[in-house]
C-alpha cells in the first residue's frame, strides 16, 4: 500500500460524504476502506474522515492525503497527482 487517501464525493440522497481509500502500488489502483457520511445532527464528515484516515495511515506506516478536509471539493488533487508534482519533471 502506498497511502491512505480521503476524497469527497456526493449525490442527491446523501449530500456530501468522504471516501477513505487505500492507494495501492501493485497492482496499481485503490481499494475502498470506508465511507463517512454527514449526519443531520452532526458535524460535516471531513473532520471525522481526516481523524480516522490519519490514524489508519499512521498505524500502517504510510502517508495520509486529504487535499480538502474542510471544504467539499470533488476536484481536489489526488495523492498520485500530488506525488508527481512534488517529484517534478
C-alpha atoms as a PDB file:
ATOM      1  CA  UNK A   1       0.000   0.000   0.000  1.00  0.00           C
ATOM      2  CA  UNK A   2       1.303   3.424  -0.948  1.00  0.00           C
ATOM      3  CA  UNK A   3      -1.033   5.675   1.081  1.00  0.00           C
ATOM      4  CA  UNK A   4      -4.413   6.188   2.685  1.00  0.00           C
ATOM      5  CA  UNK A   5      -6.429   8.892   0.953  1.00  0.00           C
ATOM      6  CA  UNK A   6      -9.659  10.711   1.753  1.00  0.00           C
ATOM      7  CA  UNK A   7     -11.697  12.237  -1.029  1.00  0.00           C
ATOM      8  CA  UNK A   8     -15.022  13.992  -1.277  1.00  0.00           C
ATOM      9  CA  UNK A   9     -17.956  12.619  -3.236  1.00  0.00           C
ATOM     10  CA  UNK A  10     -21.643  13.329  -3.157  1.00  0.00           C
ATOM     11  CA  UNK A  11     -25.065  12.568  -4.503  1.00  0.00           C
ATOM     12  CA  UNK A  12     -28.634  13.774  -4.192  1.00  0.00           C
ATOM     13  CA  UNK A  13     -29.505  11.251  -1.466  1.00  0.00           C
ATOM     14  CA  UNK A  14     -26.523  11.588   0.901  1.00  0.00           C
ATOM     15  CA  UNK A  15     -25.299  15.102   0.028  1.00  0.00           C
ATOM     16  CA  UNK A  16     -21.501  15.316   0.503  1.00  0.00           C
ATOM     17  CA  UNK A  17     -19.602  12.380   2.009  1.00  0.00           C
ATOM     18  CA  UNK A  18     -15.960  11.304   2.258  1.00  0.00           C
ATOM     19  CA  UNK A  19     -14.462   8.089   0.897  1.00  0.00           C
ATOM     20  CA  UNK A  20     -11.408   6.591   2.562  1.00  0.00           C
ATOM     21  CA  UNK A  21      -9.365   4.536   0.106  1.00  0.00           C
ATOM     22  CA  UNK A  22      -6.139   2.555   0.148  1.00  0.00           C
ATOM     23  CA  UNK A  23      -3.879   3.730  -2.673  1.00  0.00           C
ATOM     24  CA  UNK A  24      -2.232   0.576  -3.984  1.00  0.00           C
ATOM     25  CA  UNK A  25       1.130   0.123  -5.710  1.00  0.00           C
ATOM     26  CA  UNK A  26       0.959  -3.368  -7.134  1.00  0.00           C
ATOM     27  CA  UNK A  27      -1.345  -3.747  -8.770  1.00  0.00           C
ATOM     28  CA  UNK A  28      -1.790  -0.001  -9.194  1.00  0.00           C
ATOM     29  CA  UNK A  29      -5.231   1.136  -8.133  1.00  0.00           C
ATOM     30  CA  UNK A  30      -7.212   1.699  -4.986  1.00  0.00           C
ATOM     31  CA  UNK A  31      -9.398  -0.173  -2.572  1.00  0.00           C
ATOM     32  CA  UNK A  32     -12.392   1.215  -0.711  1.00  0.00           C
ATOM     33  CA  UNK A  33     -11.894   1.258   3.058  1.00  0.00           C
ATOM     34  CA  UNK A  34     -14.844   3.253   4.395  1.00  0.00           C
ATOM     35  CA  UNK A  35     -17.429   5.916   3.650  1.00  0.00           C
ATOM     36  CA  UNK A  36     -18.030   8.721   6.148  1.00  0.00           C
ATOM     37  CA  UNK A  37     -21.490  10.264   5.753  1.00  0.00           C
ATOM     38  CA  UNK A  38     -22.794  13.555   7.090  1.00  0.00           C
ATOM     39  CA  UNK A  39     -25.267  13.054   9.925  1.00  0.00           C
ATOM     40  CA  UNK A  40     -28.074  15.637  10.054  1.00  0.00           C
ATOM     41  CA  UNK A  41     -27.323  16.391  13.719  1.00  0.00           C
ATOM     42  CA  UNK A  42     -23.530  16.094  13.424  1.00  0.00           C
ATOM     43  CA  UNK A  43     -20.509  17.910  12.131  1.00  0.00           C
ATOM     44  CA  UNK A  44     -19.541  17.699   8.443  1.00  0.00           C
ATOM     45  CA  UNK A  45     -17.792  14.406   7.618  1.00  0.00           C
ATOM     46  CA  UNK A  46     -14.404  15.947   6.749  1.00  0.00           C
ATOM     47  CA  UNK A  47     -13.116  16.110  10.321  1.00  0.00           C
ATOM     48  CA  UNK A  48     -14.093  12.558  11.255  1.00  0.00           C
ATOM     49  CA  UNK A  49     -12.691  11.199   7.985  1.00  0.00           C
ATOM     50  CA  UNK A  50      -9.409  13.067   8.477  1.00  0.00           C
ATOM     51  CA  UNK A  51      -9.046  11.743  12.022  1.00  0.00           C
ATOM     52  CA  UNK A  52      -9.807   8.139  11.008  1.00  0.00           C
ATOM     53  CA  UNK A  53      -7.651   8.288   7.882  1.00  0.00           C
ATOM     54  CA  UNK A  54      -4.671   9.745   9.736  1.00  0.00           C
ATOM     55  CA  UNK A  55      -4.911   7.128  12.478  1.00  0.00           C
ATOM     56  CA  UNK A  56      -5.093   4.284   9.959  1.00  0.00           C
ATOM     57  CA  UNK A  57      -2.214   5.659   7.869  1.00  0.00           C
ATOM     58  CA  UNK A  58      -0.097   6.082  10.990  1.00  0.00           C
ATOM     59  CA  UNK A  59      -0.869   2.526  12.098  1.00  0.00           C
ATOM     60  CA  UNK A  60       0.099   1.182   8.657  1.00  0.00           C
ATOM     61  CA  UNK A  61       3.177   3.411   8.329  1.00  0.00           C
ATOM     62  CA  UNK A  62       2.048   5.082   5.105  1.00  0.00           C
ATOM     63  CA  UNK A  63       1.256   8.711   4.215  1.00  0.00           C
ATOM     64  CA  UNK A  64      -2.238  10.157   4.601  1.00  0.00           C
ATOM     65  CA  UNK A  65      -3.602  12.549   1.981  1.00  0.00           C
ATOM     66  CA  UNK A  66      -6.739  14.701   2.193  1.00  0.00           C
ATOM     67  CA  UNK A  67      -6.437  17.688  -0.123  1.00  0.00           C
ATOM     68  CA  UNK A  68      -9.554  19.500   1.115  1.00  0.00           C
ATOM     69  CA  UNK A  69     -10.609  18.365   4.597  1.00  0.00           C
ATOM     70  CA  UNK A  70     -12.655  21.465   5.442  1.00  0.00           C
ATOM     71  CA  UNK A  71     -14.441  22.228   2.169  1.00  0.00           C
ATOM     72  CA  UNK A  72     -16.156  19.631  -0.038  1.00  0.00           C
ATOM     73  CA  UNK A  73     -14.243  19.526  -3.334  1.00  0.00           C
ATOM     74  CA  UNK A  74     -14.533  16.523  -5.610  1.00  0.00           C
ATOM     75  CA  UNK A  75     -11.909  18.063  -7.929  1.00  0.00           C
ATOM     76  CA  UNK A  76      -9.174  18.421  -5.298  1.00  0.00           C
ATOM     77  CA  UNK A  77      -5.795  16.956  -6.310  1.00  0.00           C
ATOM     78  CA  UNK A  78      -5.451  13.249  -5.647  1.00  0.00           C
ATOM     79  CA  UNK A  79      -2.454  11.686  -3.862  1.00  0.00           C
ATOM     80  CA  UNK A  80      -0.798  10.350  -7.028  1.00  0.00           C
ATOM     81  CA  UNK A  81      -1.133  13.741  -8.720  1.00  0.00           C
ATOM     82  CA  UNK A  82       0.403  15.496  -5.701  1.00  0.00           C
ATOM     83  CA  UNK A  83       3.267  12.966  -5.700  1.00  0.00           C
ATOM     84  CA  UNK A  84       4.011  13.543  -9.390  1.00  0.00           C
ATOM     85  CA  UNK A  85       4.009  17.322  -8.893  1.00  0.00           C
ATOM     86  CA  UNK A  86       6.347  17.007  -5.890  1.00  0.00           C
ATOM     87  CA  UNK A  87       8.752  14.840  -7.876  1.00  0.00           C
ATOM     88  CA  UNK A  88       8.942  17.427 -10.665  1.00  0.00           C
ATOM     89  CA  UNK A  89       9.553  16.921 -14.383  1.00  0.00           C
END
